Amino acid sequence: MRSKSKIELELKVRNETPLLISTGSAQQGFADFTFIRLVNNRPCIPASTFKGRWRYYFSYLWNAFFPEEKCCHYLGRDGECHCPACRIFGGKGFQPSRVRLTDLVVADSYDSVIRHQVAINRYLRTSQDKALASLEAVDRDADWCGAAEIILTETEMKRELACLLAALKMMRTLGSNKSRGMGWVKIDFRLRPAIELEELWQYLKSDGDSQ
C-alpha cells in the first residue's frame, strides 16, 4: 500500500472587483439576483464552485507541462477515468476526491453594491424589452477565508502538488459577470507542513525534467 501525505492549506481570497456568485434564481427583494449566503446570512463562496475552478486550472497547467498524460477536461469518457485530474479531484465510479474544501466565508465586515444589467437582442442588436435586472454583489476588498486538505501519495508530491499550488496562483476570476469586470480575485494560501515553494516552481519551469 502506498504511503500518503496530508497537506493542509489555509485559504484567503480577496476580491479586487465586486464579486457575485448568484443563487441562480430571481429573488423577491430589492435585487433580482443576490449572493449565496449561509444560514447566518453571511455571503460565501461554495466549496463546489471554488473546487471546480481549481480543477479547471490544474488540468490546464498539467496538459501544458505534461502532455504525455493529459487530463480529460470532462470530455465524457465512458467508465472510470484515471487521468491526474480525476484521480485527485474525483471522477466517475468509485473515485472519491482527495481534495477536501470548506466553503469560503466572507470575514469581518463587508459592503454590498448594486449593479444593473440588461439583456441584448442579438438579432436587433438593441436592448431586450423588459430585461433589466439588478445584481447584489459583495464590493471590492472583501476577505474570504476557508481551508483545504489534500491527500497525495509520495510519488505525487512533486508534479501533482506543484500543479495544484500553481493553479491556485493562476486562478484570477470567480463568479459571474466577468466580462463586465466583476469577479477578479487574488488568492493566498499557507501550507502545513511548510513546503519550499520555490523548489516546486523551478520544477515546473524545467518542465518536470529535474527530479
C-alpha atoms as a PDB file:
ATOM      1  CA  MET A   1       0.000   0.000   0.000  1.00  0.00           C
ATOM      2  CA  ARG A   2       1.355   3.406  -0.975  1.00  0.00           C
ATOM      3  CA  SER A   3       2.071   5.799   1.861  1.00  0.00           C
ATOM      4  CA  LYS A   4       0.109   9.016   1.712  1.00  0.00           C
ATOM      5  CA  SER A   5       0.753  12.522   2.947  1.00  0.00           C
ATOM      6  CA  LYS A   6      -1.766  15.142   4.013  1.00  0.00           C
ATOM      7  CA  ILE A   7      -1.252  18.760   3.020  1.00  0.00           C
ATOM      8  CA  GLU A   8      -3.380  21.388   4.772  1.00  0.00           C
ATOM      9  CA  LEU A   9      -3.973  24.834   3.311  1.00  0.00           C
ATOM     10  CA  GLU A  10      -5.345  27.976   4.875  1.00  0.00           C
ATOM     11  CA  LEU A  11      -7.003  29.841   2.019  1.00  0.00           C
ATOM     12  CA  LYS A  12      -7.599  33.564   1.778  1.00  0.00           C
ATOM     13  CA  VAL A  13      -9.326  35.171  -1.189  1.00  0.00           C
ATOM     14  CA  ARG A  14      -9.606  38.925  -1.709  1.00  0.00           C
ATOM     15  CA  ASN A  15     -11.893  40.183  -4.448  1.00  0.00           C
ATOM     16  CA  GLU A  16     -10.334  43.103  -6.295  1.00  0.00           C
ATOM     17  CA  THR A  17     -13.608  43.940  -8.066  1.00  0.00           C
ATOM     18  CA  PRO A  18     -17.227  43.295  -6.987  1.00  0.00           C
ATOM     19  CA  LEU A  19     -17.884  39.558  -6.665  1.00  0.00           C
ATOM     20  CA  LEU A  20     -21.162  37.728  -7.277  1.00  0.00           C
ATOM     21  CA  ILE A  21     -21.795  34.004  -7.012  1.00  0.00           C
ATOM     22  CA  SER A  22     -25.528  34.032  -7.540  1.00  0.00           C
ATOM     23  CA  THR A  23     -28.180  31.671  -6.250  1.00  0.00           C
ATOM     24  CA  GLY A  24     -29.182  31.345  -9.912  1.00  0.00           C
ATOM     25  CA  SER A  25     -32.806  32.410  -9.490  1.00  0.00           C
ATOM     26  CA  ALA A  26     -34.535  35.753  -9.116  1.00  0.00           C
ATOM     27  CA  GLN A  27     -35.247  36.773  -5.529  1.00  0.00           C
ATOM     28  CA  GLN A  28     -38.146  38.634  -4.005  1.00  0.00           C
ATOM     29  CA  GLY A  29     -36.398  41.732  -2.764  1.00  0.00           C
ATOM     30  CA  PHE A  30     -34.648  44.881  -3.887  1.00  0.00           C
ATOM     31  CA  ALA A  31     -32.221  42.878  -6.106  1.00  0.00           C
ATOM     32  CA  ASP A  32     -33.192  40.295  -8.702  1.00  0.00           C
ATOM     33  CA  PHE A  33     -30.071  38.222  -8.118  1.00  0.00           C
ATOM     34  CA  THR A  34     -28.111  38.090  -4.891  1.00  0.00           C
ATOM     35  CA  PHE A  35     -25.212  36.254  -3.344  1.00  0.00           C
ATOM     36  CA  ILE A  36     -25.316  32.718  -1.965  1.00  0.00           C
ATOM     37  CA  ARG A  37     -25.485  33.006   1.813  1.00  0.00           C
ATOM     38  CA  LEU A  38     -25.096  30.728   4.813  1.00  0.00           C
ATOM     39  CA  VAL A  39     -27.779  30.302   7.453  1.00  0.00           C
ATOM     40  CA  ASN A  40     -26.178  33.170   9.420  1.00  0.00           C
ATOM     41  CA  ASN A  41     -26.776  35.400   6.355  1.00  0.00           C
ATOM     42  CA  ARG A  42     -23.070  35.775   5.575  1.00  0.00           C
ATOM     43  CA  PRO A  43     -22.084  35.506   1.885  1.00  0.00           C
ATOM     44  CA  CYS A  44     -19.944  32.530   0.972  1.00  0.00           C
ATOM     45  CA  ILE A  45     -18.089  31.034  -1.984  1.00  0.00           C
ATOM     46  CA  PRO A  46     -19.353  27.431  -2.125  1.00  0.00           C
ATOM     47  CA  ALA A  47     -16.654  24.786  -1.950  1.00  0.00           C
ATOM     48  CA  SER A  48     -18.013  23.178  -5.141  1.00  0.00           C
ATOM     49  CA  THR A  49     -17.640  26.457  -7.076  1.00  0.00           C
ATOM     50  CA  PHE A  50     -14.068  27.003  -5.911  1.00  0.00           C
ATOM     51  CA  LYS A  51     -13.110  23.368  -6.432  1.00  0.00           C
ATOM     52  CA  GLY A  52     -14.459  23.295  -9.992  1.00  0.00           C
ATOM     53  CA  ARG A  53     -12.434  26.357 -10.899  1.00  0.00           C
ATOM     54  CA  TRP A  54      -9.354  24.872  -9.215  1.00  0.00           C
ATOM     55  CA  ARG A  55      -9.731  21.638 -11.170  1.00  0.00           C
ATOM     56  CA  TYR A  56     -10.008  23.541 -14.450  1.00  0.00           C
ATOM     57  CA  TYR A  57      -6.727  25.397 -13.922  1.00  0.00           C
ATOM     58  CA  PHE A  58      -4.985  22.274 -12.626  1.00  0.00           C
ATOM     59  CA  SER A  59      -5.960  20.430 -15.827  1.00  0.00           C
ATOM     60  CA  TYR A  60      -4.866  23.397 -17.966  1.00  0.00           C
ATOM     61  CA  LEU A  61      -1.424  23.514 -16.352  1.00  0.00           C
ATOM     62  CA  TRP A  62      -0.953  19.757 -16.311  1.00  0.00           C
ATOM     63  CA  ASN A  63      -1.720  19.436 -20.025  1.00  0.00           C
ATOM     64  CA  ALA A  64       0.755  22.225 -20.762  1.00  0.00           C
ATOM     65  CA  PHE A  65       3.637  20.801 -18.718  1.00  0.00           C
ATOM     66  CA  PHE A  66       2.987  17.055 -19.013  1.00  0.00           C
ATOM     67  CA  PRO A  67       1.154  16.459 -22.325  1.00  0.00           C
ATOM     68  CA  GLU A  68       2.080  12.771 -22.343  1.00  0.00           C
ATOM     69  CA  GLU A  69      -0.538  12.162 -19.618  1.00  0.00           C
ATOM     70  CA  LYS A  70      -3.380  14.561 -20.370  1.00  0.00           C
ATOM     71  CA  CYS A  71      -6.307  15.388 -18.110  1.00  0.00           C
ATOM     72  CA  CYS A  72      -9.716  14.611 -19.567  1.00  0.00           C
ATOM     73  CA  HIS A  73     -11.381  18.060 -19.119  1.00  0.00           C
ATOM     74  CA  TYR A  74     -14.760  16.344 -18.586  1.00  0.00           C
ATOM     75  CA  LEU A  75     -14.862  15.088 -22.173  1.00  0.00           C
ATOM     76  CA  GLY A  76     -17.491  12.489 -21.328  1.00  0.00           C
ATOM     77  CA  ARG A  77     -15.326   9.406 -21.295  1.00  0.00           C
ATOM     78  CA  ASP A  78     -17.235   6.200 -20.682  1.00  0.00           C
ATOM     79  CA  GLY A  79     -16.487   4.409 -17.432  1.00  0.00           C
ATOM     80  CA  GLU A  80     -13.823   5.392 -14.947  1.00  0.00           C
ATOM     81  CA  CYS A  81     -11.094   7.826 -15.944  1.00  0.00           C
ATOM     82  CA  HIS A  82      -7.710   7.672 -14.232  1.00  0.00           C
ATOM     83  CA  CYS A  83      -6.219  10.900 -15.534  1.00  0.00           C
ATOM     84  CA  PRO A  84      -4.487  13.125 -12.917  1.00  0.00           C
ATOM     85  CA  ALA A  85      -7.494  15.441 -12.536  1.00  0.00           C
ATOM     86  CA  CYS A  86      -9.928  12.570 -11.926  1.00  0.00           C
ATOM     87  CA  ARG A  87      -7.506  10.818  -9.555  1.00  0.00           C
ATOM     88  CA  ILE A  88      -7.140  13.931  -7.386  1.00  0.00           C
ATOM     89  CA  PHE A  89     -10.461  15.768  -7.748  1.00  0.00           C
ATOM     90  CA  GLY A  90     -12.672  12.705  -8.144  1.00  0.00           C
ATOM     91  CA  GLY A  91     -14.323  11.085 -11.121  1.00  0.00           C
ATOM     92  CA  LYS A  92     -16.838   8.534 -12.308  1.00  0.00           C
ATOM     93  CA  GLY A  93     -17.262   5.279 -10.431  1.00  0.00           C
ATOM     94  CA  PHE A  94     -15.699   4.915  -7.012  1.00  0.00           C
ATOM     95  CA  GLN A  95     -13.152   7.708  -7.250  1.00  0.00           C
ATOM     96  CA  PRO A  96     -13.661   9.972  -4.253  1.00  0.00           C
ATOM     97  CA  SER A  97     -11.965  13.339  -4.306  1.00  0.00           C
ATOM     98  CA  ARG A  98      -8.687  13.682  -2.445  1.00  0.00           C
ATOM     99  CA  VAL A  99      -9.159  17.456  -2.262  1.00  0.00           C
ATOM    100  CA  ARG A 100     -11.473  18.468   0.577  1.00  0.00           C
ATOM    101  CA  LEU A 101     -12.633  22.051   0.878  1.00  0.00           C
ATOM    102  CA  THR A 102     -14.700  24.166   3.190  1.00  0.00           C
ATOM    103  CA  ASP A 103     -16.914  26.975   1.947  1.00  0.00           C
ATOM    104  CA  LEU A 104     -15.039  30.273   1.875  1.00  0.00           C
ATOM    105  CA  VAL A 105     -16.912  32.721   4.098  1.00  0.00           C
ATOM    106  CA  VAL A 106     -16.563  36.478   3.989  1.00  0.00           C
ATOM    107  CA  ALA A 107     -14.614  37.663   7.016  1.00  0.00           C
ATOM    108  CA  ASP A 108     -15.338  40.636   9.235  1.00  0.00           C
ATOM    109  CA  SER A 109     -17.311  43.472   7.682  1.00  0.00           C
ATOM    110  CA  TYR A 110     -18.134  43.863   4.009  1.00  0.00           C
ATOM    111  CA  ASP A 111     -20.074  46.210   1.770  1.00  0.00           C
ATOM    112  CA  SER A 112     -22.704  45.337  -0.804  1.00  0.00           C
ATOM    113  CA  VAL A 113     -23.016  47.032  -4.161  1.00  0.00           C
ATOM    114  CA  ILE A 114     -25.906  47.011  -6.630  1.00  0.00           C
ATOM    115  CA  ARG A 115     -25.132  46.590 -10.317  1.00  0.00           C
ATOM    116  CA  HIS A 116     -27.645  46.736 -13.167  1.00  0.00           C
ATOM    117  CA  GLN A 117     -27.602  44.882 -16.451  1.00  0.00           C
ATOM    118  CA  VAL A 118     -29.876  44.491 -19.446  1.00  0.00           C
ATOM    119  CA  ALA A 119     -30.153  41.655 -21.952  1.00  0.00           C
ATOM    120  CA  ILE A 120     -29.289  42.368 -25.582  1.00  0.00           C
ATOM    121  CA  ASN A 121     -31.411  41.201 -28.511  1.00  0.00           C
ATOM    122  CA  ARG A 122     -28.782  39.590 -30.747  1.00  0.00           C
ATOM    123  CA  TYR A 123     -30.936  39.922 -33.877  1.00  0.00           C
ATOM    124  CA  LEU A 124     -31.961  43.567 -33.499  1.00  0.00           C
ATOM    125  CA  ARG A 125     -28.754  44.489 -31.655  1.00  0.00           C
ATOM    126  CA  THR A 126     -30.728  46.569 -29.210  1.00  0.00           C
ATOM    127  CA  SER A 127     -31.654  46.158 -25.558  1.00  0.00           C
ATOM    128  CA  GLN A 128     -34.233  43.474 -24.834  1.00  0.00           C
ATOM    129  CA  ASP A 129     -37.613  44.777 -23.696  1.00  0.00           C
ATOM    130  CA  LYS A 130     -38.392  44.153 -20.004  1.00  0.00           C
ATOM    131  CA  ALA A 131     -34.995  42.535 -19.428  1.00  0.00           C
ATOM    132  CA  LEU A 132     -33.465  44.937 -16.906  1.00  0.00           C
ATOM    133  CA  ALA A 133     -32.049  43.092 -13.885  1.00  0.00           C
ATOM    134  CA  SER A 134     -30.331  44.210 -10.689  1.00  0.00           C
ATOM    135  CA  LEU A 135     -27.492  42.288  -9.044  1.00  0.00           C
ATOM    136  CA  GLU A 136     -26.337  42.448  -5.431  1.00  0.00           C
ATOM    137  CA  ALA A 137     -22.602  41.767  -5.221  1.00  0.00           C
ATOM    138  CA  VAL A 138     -20.001  41.949  -2.472  1.00  0.00           C
ATOM    139  CA  ASP A 139     -17.942  45.072  -3.035  1.00  0.00           C
ATOM    140  CA  ARG A 140     -14.209  45.050  -3.634  1.00  0.00           C
ATOM    141  CA  ASP A 141     -11.546  44.398  -0.967  1.00  0.00           C
ATOM    142  CA  ALA A 142     -13.539  41.843   0.997  1.00  0.00           C
ATOM    143  CA  ASP A 143     -11.610  38.914   2.501  1.00  0.00           C
ATOM    144  CA  TRP A 144     -12.875  35.329   2.272  1.00  0.00           C
ATOM    145  CA  CYS A 145     -11.412  32.582   4.436  1.00  0.00           C
ATOM    146  CA  GLY A 146     -11.542  28.821   4.122  1.00  0.00           C
ATOM    147  CA  ALA A 147      -9.446  25.661   4.359  1.00  0.00           C
ATOM    148  CA  ALA A 148      -8.446  22.762   2.150  1.00  0.00           C
ATOM    149  CA  GLU A 149      -6.946  19.341   2.732  1.00  0.00           C
ATOM    150  CA  ILE A 150      -5.101  17.405   0.010  1.00  0.00           C
ATOM    151  CA  ILE A 151      -4.175  13.726   0.257  1.00  0.00           C
ATOM    152  CA  LEU A 152      -1.280  12.741  -2.023  1.00  0.00           C
ATOM    153  CA  THR A 153       0.948   9.707  -2.382  1.00  0.00           C
ATOM    154  CA  GLU A 154       4.704  10.102  -2.085  1.00  0.00           C
ATOM    155  CA  THR A 155       5.086   9.915  -5.874  1.00  0.00           C
ATOM    156  CA  GLU A 156       2.576  12.768  -6.277  1.00  0.00           C
ATOM    157  CA  MET A 157       4.396  15.226  -4.014  1.00  0.00           C
ATOM    158  CA  LYS A 158       6.269  16.716  -6.962  1.00  0.00           C
ATOM    159  CA  ARG A 159       4.301  17.107 -10.206  1.00  0.00           C
ATOM    160  CA  GLU A 160       0.771  16.950  -8.798  1.00  0.00           C
ATOM    161  CA  LEU A 161       1.436  19.224  -5.826  1.00  0.00           C
ATOM    162  CA  ALA A 162       3.311  21.751  -7.974  1.00  0.00           C
ATOM    163  CA  CYS A 163       0.409  21.976 -10.434  1.00  0.00           C
ATOM    164  CA  LEU A 164      -2.184  22.168  -7.645  1.00  0.00           C
ATOM    165  CA  LEU A 165      -0.478  25.121  -5.967  1.00  0.00           C
ATOM    166  CA  ALA A 166       0.365  26.860  -9.242  1.00  0.00           C
ATOM    167  CA  ALA A 167      -3.290  26.518 -10.258  1.00  0.00           C
ATOM    168  CA  LEU A 168      -4.312  28.439  -7.138  1.00  0.00           C
ATOM    169  CA  LYS A 169      -1.961  31.263  -8.094  1.00  0.00           C
ATOM    170  CA  MET A 170      -3.293  31.213 -11.650  1.00  0.00           C
ATOM    171  CA  MET A 171      -6.929  31.429 -10.553  1.00  0.00           C
ATOM    172  CA  ARG A 172      -7.766  35.105 -11.025  1.00  0.00           C
ATOM    173  CA  THR A 173     -11.543  35.146 -11.530  1.00  0.00           C
ATOM    174  CA  LEU A 174     -14.575  33.700  -9.771  1.00  0.00           C
ATOM    175  CA  GLY A 175     -18.310  34.066 -10.110  1.00  0.00           C
ATOM    176  CA  SER A 176     -20.449  35.683 -12.775  1.00  0.00           C
ATOM    177  CA  ASN A 177     -20.268  38.779 -14.983  1.00  0.00           C
ATOM    178  CA  LYS A 178     -16.516  38.512 -15.508  1.00  0.00           C
ATOM    179  CA  SER A 179     -16.895  40.085 -18.953  1.00  0.00           C
ATOM    180  CA  ARG A 180     -18.252  43.172 -17.175  1.00  0.00           C
ATOM    181  CA  GLY A 181     -15.214  43.456 -14.938  1.00  0.00           C
ATOM    182  CA  MET A 182     -16.595  41.622 -11.913  1.00  0.00           C
ATOM    183  CA  GLY A 183     -15.084  38.664 -10.098  1.00  0.00           C
ATOM    184  CA  TRP A 184     -11.358  39.475 -10.185  1.00  0.00           C
ATOM    185  CA  VAL A 185      -9.679  37.916  -7.152  1.00  0.00           C
ATOM    186  CA  LYS A 186      -6.285  37.329  -5.560  1.00  0.00           C
ATOM    187  CA  ILE A 187      -5.686  34.040  -3.750  1.00  0.00           C
ATOM    188  CA  ASP A 188      -3.134  33.483  -0.995  1.00  0.00           C
ATOM    189  CA  PHE A 189      -2.505  30.312   0.970  1.00  0.00           C
ATOM    190  CA  ARG A 190      -0.461  28.967   3.848  1.00  0.00           C
ATOM    191  CA  LEU A 191       0.754  25.368   3.857  1.00  0.00           C
ATOM    192  CA  ARG A 192       1.025  22.900   6.721  1.00  0.00           C
ATOM    193  CA  PRO A 193       3.553  21.329   6.840  1.00  0.00           C
ATOM    194  CA  ALA A 194       5.664  24.126   5.396  1.00  0.00           C
ATOM    195  CA  ILE A 195       6.970  23.369   1.885  1.00  0.00           C
ATOM    196  CA  GLU A 196       9.620  25.199  -0.107  1.00  0.00           C
ATOM    197  CA  LEU A 197       7.527  26.668  -2.927  1.00  0.00           C
ATOM    198  CA  GLU A 198      10.450  27.969  -4.965  1.00  0.00           C
ATOM    199  CA  GLU A 199      11.643  24.401  -5.483  1.00  0.00           C
ATOM    200  CA  LEU A 200       8.218  23.438  -6.876  1.00  0.00           C
ATOM    201  CA  TRP A 201       8.107  26.486  -9.193  1.00  0.00           C
ATOM    202  CA  GLN A 202      11.572  25.643 -10.523  1.00  0.00           C
ATOM    203  CA  TYR A 203      10.409  22.093 -11.125  1.00  0.00           C
ATOM    204  CA  LEU A 204       7.582  23.331 -13.334  1.00  0.00           C
ATOM    205  CA  LYS A 205       9.802  25.825 -15.140  1.00  0.00           C
ATOM    206  CA  SER A 206      12.088  22.970 -16.151  1.00  0.00           C
ATOM    207  CA  ASP A 207       9.037  21.045 -17.471  1.00  0.00           C
ATOM    208  CA  GLY A 208       9.465  18.403 -14.784  1.00  0.00           C
ATOM    209  CA  ASP A 209      12.868  17.252 -16.029  1.00  0.00           C
ATOM    210  CA  SER A 210      14.618  17.839 -12.717  1.00  0.00           C
ATOM    211  CA  GLN A 211      13.768  15.314 -10.023  1.00  0.00           C
END
